[in-house]
N, C-alpha and C. Protein backbone atom coordinates (compact mmCIF):
# COMPACT_ATOMS: atom_id res chain seq x y z
N MET A 1 0.80 -1.16 -0.11
CA MET A 1 -0.15 0.05 0.23
C MET A 1 0.99 1.12 -0.34
N MET A 2 1.79 1.21 0.72
CA MET A 2 2.74 2.21 0.71
C MET A 2 3.28 2.98 -0.52
N GLY A 3 3.60 1.61 -1.55
CA GLY A 3 4.06 2.09 -3.06
C GLY A 3 3.18 2.71 -3.72
N LEU A 4 1.60 2.59 -3.40
CA LEU A 4 0.70 3.10 -4.11
C LEU A 4 0.45 4.72 -3.59
N LEU A 5 0.36 4.78 -2.20
CA LEU A 5 0.12 6.26 -1.85
C LEU A 5 1.56 7.09 -1.86
N THR A 6 2.67 6.39 -1.42
CA THR A 6 3.86 7.09 -1.47
C THR A 6 4.50 7.49 -2.43
N TYR A 7 4.73 6.21 -3.30
CA TYR A 7 5.70 6.40 -4.46
C TYR A 7 5.26 6.45 -5.75
N GLN A 8 3.68 6.44 -5.62
CA GLN A 8 3.01 6.41 -6.99
C GLN A 8 3.14 5.84 -8.10
N SER A 9 3.10 4.19 -7.49
CA SER A 9 3.69 3.26 -8.31
C SER A 9 2.25 2.84 -9.51
N SER A 10 3.14 2.35 -10.67
CA SER A 10 2.25 2.28 -11.42
C SER A 10 2.17 0.54 -11.61
N TRP A 11 2.21 -0.15 -11.07
CA TRP A 11 1.92 -1.53 -10.72
C TRP A 11 1.94 -2.34 -9.24
N LEU A 12 1.14 -3.03 -9.43
CA LEU A 12 0.70 -3.63 -7.89
C LEU A 12 0.78 -5.57 -7.96
N LEU A 13 1.73 -6.13 -7.34
CA LEU A 13 1.84 -7.49 -6.84
C LEU A 13 1.33 -7.87 -5.47
N PRO A 14 -0.18 -8.06 -5.47
CA PRO A 14 -0.69 -8.52 -4.39
C PRO A 14 -0.33 -10.12 -4.51
N PHE A 15 -0.06 -10.72 -2.80
CA PHE A 15 0.30 -11.97 -2.76
C PHE A 15 -0.69 -12.77 -2.17
N THR A 16 -2.17 -12.88 -2.53
CA THR A 16 -2.90 -13.67 -2.22
C THR A 16 -2.73 -15.35 -1.83
N ILE A 17 -2.35 -15.43 -0.75
CA ILE A 17 -2.06 -17.08 -0.45
C ILE A 17 -2.94 -17.46 0.62
N HIS A 18 -3.13 -18.81 0.76
CA HIS A 18 -4.08 -19.28 1.93
C HIS A 18 -2.71 -20.00 2.85
N LEU A 19 -2.95 -19.50 3.96
CA LEU A 19 -1.67 -19.85 4.97
C LEU A 19 -1.58 -21.25 5.25
N ARG A 20 -2.72 -22.13 5.14
CA ARG A 20 -2.62 -23.63 5.48
C ARG A 20 -2.53 -24.40 4.30
N TYR A 21 -3.23 -23.92 3.17
CA TYR A 21 -2.71 -24.87 1.73
C TYR A 21 -1.43 -24.37 1.35
N VAL A 22 -1.12 -23.02 1.68
CA VAL A 22 -0.03 -22.32 0.60
C VAL A 22 -0.49 -22.48 -0.69
N ALA A 23 -1.51 -21.99 -1.04
CA ALA A 23 -2.17 -21.88 -2.38
C ALA A 23 -2.85 -20.77 -2.63
N SER A 24 -3.35 -20.24 -3.80
CA SER A 24 -4.43 -19.29 -4.17
C SER A 24 -5.68 -20.20 -4.55
N SER A 25 -5.45 -21.21 -4.52
CA SER A 25 -6.70 -21.90 -5.44
C SER A 25 -7.93 -22.25 -4.35
N SER A 26 -7.75 -22.02 -3.34
CA SER A 26 -8.74 -22.31 -2.44
C SER A 26 -9.85 -21.50 -2.70
N ARG A 27 -11.21 -21.84 -2.26
CA ARG A 27 -12.45 -21.02 -2.53
C ARG A 27 -12.47 -19.89 -1.77
N ASP A 28 -12.16 -19.33 -0.51
CA ASP A 28 -11.83 -18.41 -0.15
C ASP A 28 -10.92 -17.41 -0.70
N MET A 29 -9.75 -18.10 -0.96
CA MET A 29 -8.59 -17.04 -2.03
C MET A 29 -9.24 -16.96 -3.40
N LEU A 30 -9.90 -17.51 -3.89
CA LEU A 30 -10.59 -17.05 -5.19
C LEU A 30 -11.61 -16.21 -5.03
N TRP A 31 -11.91 -16.10 -3.91
CA TRP A 31 -13.05 -15.12 -3.42
C TRP A 31 -12.31 -13.79 -3.66
N VAL A 32 -11.50 -13.78 -2.68
CA VAL A 32 -10.16 -12.51 -2.46
C VAL A 32 -9.80 -12.15 -3.80
N ILE A 33 -9.17 -12.94 -4.55
CA ILE A 33 -8.70 -12.52 -5.73
C ILE A 33 -9.57 -11.91 -6.94
N SER A 34 -10.56 -12.46 -6.79
CA SER A 34 -11.82 -11.77 -7.37
C SER A 34 -12.52 -10.70 -6.99
N THR A 35 -12.52 -11.00 -5.87
CA THR A 35 -12.98 -8.92 -5.36
C THR A 35 -11.80 -8.00 -5.51
N MET A 36 -10.62 -8.46 -5.14
CA MET A 36 -9.61 -7.59 -5.07
C MET A 36 -9.23 -7.02 -6.69
N GLY A 37 -8.85 -7.86 -7.36
CA GLY A 37 -9.16 -7.78 -8.84
C GLY A 37 -10.19 -6.66 -9.69
N GLN A 38 -11.41 -6.85 -8.94
CA GLN A 38 -12.65 -6.01 -9.37
C GLN A 38 -11.99 -4.32 -8.93
N ALA A 39 -11.74 -4.56 -7.31
CA ALA A 39 -11.73 -3.10 -6.85
C ALA A 39 -10.88 -2.29 -7.57
N ILE A 40 -9.35 -3.24 -7.80
CA ILE A 40 -8.38 -2.58 -8.51
C ILE A 40 -8.36 -2.04 -9.81
N SER A 41 -9.25 -2.96 -10.71
CA SER A 41 -9.36 -2.61 -11.66
C SER A 41 -10.37 -1.45 -11.83
N ARG A 42 -11.32 -1.15 -11.00
CA ARG A 42 -12.50 -0.07 -11.14
C ARG A 42 -12.20 0.87 -10.72
N ASN A 43 -10.96 1.18 -9.20
CA ASN A 43 -10.70 2.26 -8.76
C ASN A 43 -9.29 2.66 -8.97
N THR A 44 -8.66 2.29 -9.96
CA THR A 44 -7.15 2.23 -10.15
C THR A 44 -6.75 2.32 -11.54
N HIS A 45 -5.61 3.01 -11.81
CA HIS A 45 -5.19 2.94 -13.09
C HIS A 45 -3.65 1.50 -13.19
N LEU A 46 -4.07 0.62 -12.21
CA LEU A 46 -2.67 -0.10 -11.89
C LEU A 46 -2.69 -1.35 -12.84
N LEU A 47 -1.72 -1.68 -12.90
CA LEU A 47 -1.23 -3.04 -13.85
C LEU A 47 -1.24 -3.97 -12.44
N SER A 48 -1.87 -4.70 -12.47
CA SER A 48 -1.83 -5.65 -11.29
C SER A 48 -2.13 -7.02 -11.39
N LEU A 49 -0.62 -7.84 -11.09
CA LEU A 49 -0.76 -9.20 -11.33
C LEU A 49 -1.55 -10.32 -10.17
N ASN A 50 -1.84 -11.37 -10.41
CA ASN A 50 -2.26 -12.66 -9.61
C ASN A 50 -1.18 -13.62 -9.73
N LEU A 51 -0.49 -14.02 -8.48
CA LEU A 51 0.49 -14.88 -8.42
C LEU A 51 -0.39 -16.25 -8.16
N ASN A 52 -0.01 -17.02 -9.01
CA ASN A 52 -0.79 -18.41 -9.10
C ASN A 52 -0.14 -19.53 -8.23
N TYR A 53 -0.73 -19.95 -7.29
CA TYR A 53 -0.03 -21.39 -6.33
C TYR A 53 -0.99 -22.25 -6.28
N THR A 54 -0.60 -23.53 -6.74
CA THR A 54 -1.33 -24.78 -6.61
C THR A 54 -0.83 -25.59 -5.55
N THR A 55 -1.75 -26.24 -4.78
CA THR A 55 -1.32 -27.30 -3.60
C THR A 55 -0.75 -28.52 -4.48
N ALA A 56 -1.31 -28.74 -5.79
CA ALA A 56 -0.84 -30.29 -6.29
C ALA A 56 0.03 -30.14 -7.20
N GLY A 57 1.07 -31.05 -7.45
CA GLY A 57 1.93 -31.05 -8.48
C GLY A 57 2.00 -31.53 -9.68
N PRO A 58 3.07 -31.37 -10.46
CA PRO A 58 2.97 -31.46 -12.10
C PRO A 58 2.46 -33.00 -12.34
N CYS A 59 2.31 -33.18 -13.77
CA CYS A 59 1.59 -34.14 -14.22
C CYS A 59 0.30 -34.63 -13.33
N THR A 60 -0.67 -33.95 -12.65
CA THR A 60 -1.68 -34.40 -12.11
C THR A 60 -2.94 -33.21 -12.47
N PRO A 61 -4.03 -33.82 -12.74
CA PRO A 61 -5.05 -33.01 -13.23
C PRO A 61 -5.43 -31.94 -12.39
N MET A 62 -5.26 -32.21 -10.95
CA MET A 62 -5.82 -31.31 -9.82
C MET A 62 -4.98 -30.02 -10.02
N CYS A 63 -3.69 -30.23 -10.34
CA CYS A 63 -3.02 -29.19 -10.69
C CYS A 63 -3.23 -28.03 -11.51
N LEU A 64 -3.80 -28.83 -12.75
CA LEU A 64 -4.60 -28.12 -14.01
C LEU A 64 -5.87 -27.13 -13.40
N TYR A 65 -6.51 -28.24 -12.57
CA TYR A 65 -7.43 -27.75 -12.32
C TYR A 65 -7.67 -26.27 -11.19
N GLU A 66 -6.84 -26.15 -10.54
CA GLU A 66 -6.53 -25.34 -9.31
C GLU A 66 -6.07 -24.27 -10.25
N THR A 67 -4.86 -24.24 -11.36
CA THR A 67 -4.16 -23.43 -12.18
C THR A 67 -5.58 -22.68 -12.56
N SER A 68 -6.37 -23.08 -13.47
CA SER A 68 -7.50 -22.81 -14.37
C SER A 68 -8.56 -22.03 -13.18
N ALA A 69 -8.64 -22.33 -12.10
CA ALA A 69 -9.69 -21.60 -11.22
C ALA A 69 -8.99 -20.57 -10.69
N SER A 70 -7.72 -20.34 -10.53
CA SER A 70 -7.31 -19.08 -10.05
C SER A 70 -7.26 -18.10 -11.27
N VAL A 71 -6.72 -18.84 -12.43
CA VAL A 71 -6.60 -17.72 -13.57
C VAL A 71 -7.93 -17.11 -13.92
N THR A 72 -8.81 -17.88 -13.78
CA THR A 72 -10.61 -17.58 -14.54
C THR A 72 -10.47 -16.15 -13.44
N ALA A 73 -10.64 -16.64 -12.09
CA ALA A 73 -10.97 -15.56 -11.34
C ALA A 73 -10.25 -14.61 -11.44
N ALA A 74 -8.69 -14.60 -11.52
CA ALA A 74 -8.04 -13.16 -11.77
C ALA A 74 -8.61 -12.58 -12.89
N VAL A 75 -8.30 -13.28 -14.22
CA VAL A 75 -8.61 -12.38 -15.35
C VAL A 75 -9.66 -11.85 -15.62
N THR A 76 -10.91 -12.36 -15.35
CA THR A 76 -12.20 -11.94 -15.23
C THR A 76 -12.82 -10.96 -14.24
N ALA A 77 -11.71 -10.89 -12.96
CA ALA A 77 -11.86 -9.38 -12.28
C ALA A 77 -10.98 -8.39 -12.76
N GLY A 78 -10.22 -8.83 -13.71
CA GLY A 78 -9.24 -7.64 -14.40
C GLY A 78 -7.98 -7.64 -13.88
N LEU A 79 -7.34 -8.68 -13.53
CA LEU A 79 -6.11 -8.84 -13.29
C LEU A 79 -5.65 -9.57 -14.50
N SER A 80 -4.00 -9.23 -14.34
CA SER A 80 -2.93 -9.85 -15.23
C SER A 80 -2.61 -11.46 -14.21
N ILE A 81 -1.95 -12.24 -14.90
CA ILE A 81 -1.58 -13.04 -14.02
C ILE A 81 -0.10 -13.84 -14.27
N GLU A 82 0.09 -14.33 -13.45
CA GLU A 82 1.75 -15.18 -13.40
C GLU A 82 1.64 -16.64 -12.77
N SER A 83 1.89 -17.52 -13.59
CA SER A 83 1.71 -18.95 -12.98
C SER A 83 3.19 -18.93 -12.34
N LEU A 84 3.11 -19.68 -10.90
CA LEU A 84 4.64 -19.39 -10.40
C LEU A 84 4.79 -20.55 -9.57
N GLY A 85 3.62 -20.97 -8.62
CA GLY A 85 4.22 -22.12 -7.50
C GLY A 85 3.45 -23.39 -7.53
N VAL A 86 4.25 -24.25 -8.06
CA VAL A 86 2.84 -25.50 -8.22
C VAL A 86 3.44 -26.43 -7.05
N ALA A 87 2.78 -27.35 -6.35
CA ALA A 87 3.44 -28.36 -5.24
C ALA A 87 3.39 -27.24 -4.22
N THR A 88 2.86 -26.01 -3.80
CA THR A 88 3.11 -25.21 -2.85
C THR A 88 4.42 -24.50 -2.90
N ASN A 89 5.10 -24.68 -3.80
CA ASN A 89 6.53 -24.05 -4.47
C ASN A 89 7.39 -24.46 -3.31
N LYS A 90 7.10 -25.53 -2.56
CA LYS A 90 8.42 -26.04 -1.71
C LYS A 90 8.83 -27.38 -1.81
N HIS A 91 8.59 -27.73 -2.99
CA HIS A 91 9.55 -29.19 -3.40
C HIS A 91 10.14 -28.80 -4.82
N GLU A 92 11.48 -29.53 -4.52
CA GLU A 92 12.26 -29.18 -5.67
C GLU A 92 11.94 -29.57 -6.90
N ASP A 93 12.24 -29.09 -8.37
CA ASP A 93 11.70 -29.63 -9.50
C ASP A 93 10.77 -30.13 -9.80
N ARG A 94 9.37 -29.08 -9.09
CA ARG A 94 8.18 -29.27 -9.10
C ARG A 94 7.27 -28.47 -10.27
N THR A 95 8.22 -27.39 -10.94
CA THR A 95 7.47 -26.89 -11.95
C THR A 95 7.94 -27.37 -13.18
N THR A 96 7.03 -27.38 -14.21
CA THR A 96 7.26 -27.56 -15.75
C THR A 96 6.84 -26.34 -16.68
N PRO A 97 7.23 -26.24 -17.55
CA PRO A 97 6.69 -25.23 -18.66
C PRO A 97 5.34 -25.23 -19.08
N VAL A 98 4.48 -26.42 -18.64
CA VAL A 98 2.83 -27.01 -19.06
C VAL A 98 2.53 -25.68 -18.19
N GLU A 99 2.39 -25.73 -16.83
CA GLU A 99 1.68 -24.81 -15.93
C GLU A 99 1.35 -23.40 -16.13
N PRO A 100 2.70 -22.74 -16.79
CA PRO A 100 2.54 -21.44 -17.43
C PRO A 100 1.79 -21.45 -18.60
N ARG A 101 1.79 -22.23 -19.20
CA ARG A 101 1.20 -22.56 -20.77
C ARG A 101 -0.23 -22.92 -20.70
N ILE A 102 -0.97 -23.65 -19.73
CA ILE A 102 -2.04 -23.51 -19.53
C ILE A 102 -2.74 -22.57 -18.79
N SER A 103 -1.89 -22.02 -17.73
CA SER A 103 -2.40 -20.80 -17.38
C SER A 103 -2.84 -19.48 -18.71
N ALA A 104 -1.54 -19.82 -19.61
CA ALA A 104 -2.12 -18.46 -20.54
C ALA A 104 -3.04 -18.75 -21.26
N GLU A 105 -3.30 -20.25 -21.58
CA GLU A 105 -4.29 -20.67 -22.52
C GLU A 105 -5.74 -20.16 -22.01
N VAL A 106 -5.77 -20.65 -20.46
CA VAL A 106 -7.13 -20.15 -19.51
C VAL A 106 -7.26 -18.70 -19.99
N GLY A 107 -6.15 -18.02 -19.82
CA GLY A 107 -6.47 -16.66 -19.65
C GLY A 107 -6.82 -15.98 -20.92
N HIS A 108 -6.57 -16.61 -21.78
CA HIS A 108 -6.83 -16.17 -23.17
C HIS A 108 -8.41 -16.51 -23.41
N ALA A 109 -8.78 -17.58 -22.87
CA ALA A 109 -10.26 -18.44 -23.05
C ALA A 109 -11.03 -17.58 -22.51
N VAL A 110 -10.99 -17.20 -21.06
CA VAL A 110 -11.83 -16.48 -20.11
C VAL A 110 -12.03 -15.19 -20.16
N ALA A 111 -10.61 -14.45 -20.93
CA ALA A 111 -11.00 -13.25 -21.40
C ALA A 111 -11.98 -12.54 -21.98
N GLY A 112 -12.83 -11.62 -21.11
CA GLY A 112 -14.14 -11.43 -21.92
C GLY A 112 -15.29 -11.66 -21.50
N MET A 113 -14.97 -12.77 -20.64
CA MET A 113 -16.14 -13.86 -19.73
C MET A 113 -17.20 -13.01 -19.33
N LYS A 114 -18.18 -13.23 -18.96
CA LYS A 114 -18.58 -12.62 -17.71
C LYS A 114 -18.67 -13.25 -16.57
N ARG A 115 -18.36 -12.34 -15.50
CA ARG A 115 -18.32 -12.90 -14.01
C ARG A 115 -18.95 -14.01 -13.60
N SER A 116 -20.13 -13.59 -13.96
CA SER A 116 -21.12 -14.50 -13.50
C SER A 116 -20.95 -15.81 -14.23
N ASP A 117 -20.49 -15.95 -15.37
CA ASP A 117 -20.14 -17.18 -16.11
C ASP A 117 -19.07 -17.91 -15.66
N ALA A 118 -17.85 -16.68 -15.17
CA ALA A 118 -16.80 -17.20 -14.48
C ALA A 118 -16.79 -17.87 -13.17
N ASN A 119 -17.95 -17.24 -12.48
CA ASN A 119 -18.20 -18.07 -11.37
C ASN A 119 -18.80 -19.33 -11.38
N GLU A 120 -19.52 -19.67 -12.34
CA GLU A 120 -19.99 -20.72 -12.61
C GLU A 120 -19.01 -22.08 -12.70
N LEU A 121 -18.03 -21.64 -13.70
CA LEU A 121 -17.14 -22.39 -14.11
C LEU A 121 -15.95 -22.52 -12.72
N VAL A 122 -15.85 -21.78 -11.85
CA VAL A 122 -15.10 -21.69 -11.18
C VAL A 122 -15.30 -22.96 -9.98
N LYS A 123 -17.04 -22.85 -9.75
CA LYS A 123 -17.37 -23.55 -8.75
C LYS A 123 -17.41 -25.09 -9.32
N ARG A 124 -17.48 -25.21 -10.70
CA ARG A 124 -17.16 -26.60 -11.23
C ARG A 124 -16.23 -26.93 -11.22
N LEU A 125 -15.05 -26.22 -11.40
CA LEU A 125 -13.65 -26.43 -10.99
C LEU A 125 -13.37 -27.04 -9.66
N LEU A 126 -13.76 -25.99 -8.88
CA LEU A 126 -13.76 -26.18 -7.37
C LEU A 126 -14.07 -27.83 -6.85
N ALA A 127 -15.41 -27.97 -7.48
CA ALA A 127 -15.84 -29.45 -7.02
C ALA A 127 -14.85 -30.53 -7.62
N LYS A 128 -13.74 -30.42 -8.25
CA LYS A 128 -13.07 -31.33 -8.73
C LYS A 128 -11.86 -31.74 -8.13
N TYR A 129 -11.43 -30.76 -6.91
CA TYR A 129 -10.46 -30.53 -6.30
C TYR A 129 -10.56 -29.99 -4.75
N GLU A 130 -11.39 -29.40 -4.58
CA GLU A 130 -11.65 -28.72 -3.43
C GLU A 130 -11.38 -29.68 -2.04
N SER A 131 -12.13 -31.02 -1.88
CA SER A 131 -11.75 -31.85 -0.97
C SER A 131 -10.45 -32.26 -1.10
N LYS A 132 -9.60 -32.06 -1.76
CA LYS A 132 -8.22 -32.59 -2.03
C LYS A 132 -7.00 -31.81 -1.33
N LEU A 133 -7.46 -30.45 -1.19
CA LEU A 133 -6.80 -29.25 -1.14
C LEU A 133 -5.79 -29.64 0.46
N SER A 134 -6.15 -30.28 1.33
CA SER A 134 -5.58 -30.75 2.43
C SER A 134 -4.48 -32.01 2.50
N GLU A 135 -4.63 -32.86 1.27
CA GLU A 135 -3.78 -33.93 0.93
C GLU A 135 -3.64 -34.23 -0.54
N PRO A 136 -3.22 -32.92 -1.30
CA PRO A 136 -3.07 -32.91 -2.59
C PRO A 136 -1.75 -34.15 -3.00
N PRO A 137 -2.02 -34.40 -4.25
CA PRO A 137 -1.17 -35.27 -5.15
C PRO A 137 0.19 -34.65 -5.53
N LEU A 138 1.44 -35.15 -4.89
CA LEU A 138 2.69 -34.18 -5.35
C LEU A 138 2.80 -34.22 -6.58
N GLY A 139 2.69 -35.30 -7.25
CA GLY A 139 2.65 -35.37 -8.68
C GLY A 139 4.43 -35.98 -8.97
N LYS A 140 4.94 -35.59 -10.04
CA LYS A 140 6.15 -36.00 -10.56
C LYS A 140 7.10 -34.51 -10.62
N GLY A 141 8.32 -35.10 -10.51
CA GLY A 141 9.28 -33.98 -10.68
C GLY A 141 9.54 -33.51 -12.11
N LEU A 142 10.10 -32.32 -12.18
CA LEU A 142 10.22 -32.01 -13.47
C LEU A 142 10.91 -32.83 -14.81
N TYR A 143 11.76 -33.59 -14.29
CA TYR A 143 12.40 -34.37 -15.62
C TYR A 143 11.37 -36.00 -15.12
N GLU A 144 10.81 -36.04 -14.65
CA GLU A 144 9.91 -37.20 -14.56
C GLU A 144 8.56 -37.19 -15.92
N CYS A 145 8.19 -35.37 -16.00
CA CYS A 145 7.24 -35.39 -16.68
C CYS A 145 7.40 -34.41 -17.90
N TRP A 146 8.66 -33.95 -17.79
CA TRP A 146 9.18 -33.20 -19.35
C TRP A 146 10.44 -33.65 -19.88
N ASP A 147 10.40 -33.73 -21.38
CA ASP A 147 11.37 -34.22 -21.76
C ASP A 147 12.44 -33.17 -22.61
N ALA A 148 13.06 -33.05 -21.52
CA ALA A 148 14.04 -31.75 -22.21
C ALA A 148 14.63 -31.92 -23.12
N GLU A 149 15.02 -33.15 -23.91
CA GLU A 149 15.29 -33.02 -25.06
C GLU A 149 14.59 -32.59 -26.16
N ALA A 150 13.34 -33.00 -25.91
CA ALA A 150 12.39 -32.75 -27.05
C ALA A 150 11.44 -31.49 -27.01
N ARG A 151 12.17 -30.85 -25.36
CA ARG A 151 11.21 -29.78 -25.06
C ARG A 151 9.51 -29.71 -25.21
N LYS A 152 9.03 -31.03 -24.88
CA LYS A 152 7.64 -31.26 -24.40
C LYS A 152 7.35 -32.13 -23.29
N PRO A 153 6.12 -32.09 -22.80
CA PRO A 153 5.84 -33.04 -21.63
C PRO A 153 5.92 -34.27 -22.20
N THR A 154 6.42 -35.27 -21.57
CA THR A 154 6.31 -36.72 -21.60
C THR A 154 4.79 -37.43 -21.64
N LYS A 155 5.13 -38.53 -22.55
CA LYS A 155 3.63 -38.94 -23.04
C LYS A 155 2.52 -39.29 -22.15
N GLU A 156 3.15 -39.52 -20.87
CA GLU A 156 2.23 -39.49 -19.57
C GLU A 156 1.47 -38.34 -19.30
N TYR A 157 2.37 -37.26 -19.25
CA TYR A 157 1.64 -35.40 -18.88
C TYR A 157 0.89 -35.20 -19.97
N ARG A 158 1.52 -35.49 -21.43
CA ARG A 158 0.05 -35.32 -22.50
C ARG A 158 -0.85 -35.75 -22.43
N ALA A 159 -0.90 -37.34 -21.97
CA ALA A 159 -2.43 -37.67 -21.57
C ALA A 159 -3.24 -37.09 -20.53
N VAL A 160 -2.34 -36.59 -19.76
CA VAL A 160 -3.11 -35.72 -18.35
C VAL A 160 -3.62 -34.39 -18.95
N ILE A 161 -2.80 -33.53 -19.84
CA ILE A 161 -3.35 -32.47 -20.64
C ILE A 161 -4.63 -32.54 -21.50
N LYS A 162 -4.19 -33.67 -22.42
CA LYS A 162 -5.50 -34.02 -23.01
C LYS A 162 -6.69 -34.39 -22.42
N ARG A 163 -6.64 -35.17 -21.50
CA ARG A 163 -7.89 -35.38 -20.57
C ARG A 163 -8.60 -34.06 -20.16
N PHE A 164 -7.34 -33.55 -19.47
CA PHE A 164 -7.85 -32.05 -18.84
C PHE A 164 -8.84 -30.97 -19.71
N LYS A 165 -8.04 -31.28 -21.05
CA LYS A 165 -8.45 -30.31 -22.31
C LYS A 165 -10.17 -30.71 -22.31
N THR A 166 -10.41 -31.99 -22.74
CA THR A 166 -11.50 -32.65 -22.62
C THR A 166 -12.26 -32.15 -22.02
N GLU A 167 -11.88 -32.31 -20.50
CA GLU A 167 -12.99 -31.81 -19.83
C GLU A 167 -13.51 -30.54 -19.76
N MET A 168 -12.58 -29.69 -20.03
CA MET A 168 -12.50 -27.99 -19.83
C MET A 168 -13.60 -28.04 -21.10
N LYS A 169 -13.50 -28.45 -22.18
CA LYS A 169 -14.46 -28.29 -23.22
C LYS A 169 -15.90 -28.77 -22.80
N ALA A 170 -15.99 -29.90 -22.19
CA ALA A 170 -17.15 -30.15 -21.74
C ALA A 170 -17.71 -29.22 -20.61
N LEU A 171 -16.95 -28.25 -19.62
CA LEU A 171 -17.29 -27.65 -19.10
C LEU A 171 -17.32 -25.90 -19.96
N GLY A 172 -17.58 -26.18 -21.23
CA GLY A 172 -17.58 -24.78 -21.60
C GLY A 172 -16.37 -23.92 -22.15
N LEU A 173 -15.24 -24.11 -21.79
CA LEU A 173 -14.03 -23.83 -22.02
C LEU A 173 -13.15 -24.64 -23.17
N GLU A 174 -12.94 -23.61 -24.34
CA GLU A 174 -12.27 -24.10 -25.37
C GLU A 174 -10.90 -23.83 -25.18
N LEU A 175 -9.87 -24.72 -24.89
CA LEU A 175 -8.60 -24.46 -25.05
C LEU A 175 -7.70 -25.00 -26.51
N LYS A 176 -6.77 -24.57 -26.66
CA LYS A 176 -6.13 -24.94 -27.74
C LYS A 176 -5.84 -26.59 -27.73
N PRO A 177 -5.76 -27.29 -28.93
CA PRO A 177 -5.78 -28.66 -29.18
C PRO A 177 -4.33 -29.01 -28.65
N GLU A 178 -4.56 -30.21 -27.94
CA GLU A 178 -2.71 -30.87 -27.69
C GLU A 178 -2.43 -31.14 -29.27
N THR A 179 -1.05 -30.92 -29.15
CA THR A 179 -0.33 -31.45 -30.62
C THR A 179 0.35 -32.43 -30.25
């Protein structure tokens, strides 16, 4: 806040994270992200980013659901996004290039979506992972689910992504097809 009032900043980087889950994807944090984003967008000129943290690790559908819910809440509230922490960001080698790419795809897909429609989408996503927030799957390490030579997800992770995108399409959100 001091940067806003004293230094006349032009951007803001709030860090909304649930202290118990160390994630931005819980129901209450999604509400905070949305409400904060709407207030900032409506009342300031600031560029504001939402940092996305998930409880689940890479190569799990839950990680992609959490990312999608947080990004949807942020973008439809007027925030920019940054995909940052996977598996609560406390396990070594638990982030891959997939999570930021999914964040970007979801962000583009929900841009311009009515907040009421975004709310329904987020509620449907929450139903897929909310009960697992206290004991999320750790997923796999970077080199277990990312082929560095080929610069693409492993076959297993590509299958997870494909199923995820099929489910998102069923929820009404069209993402880029997997290649």
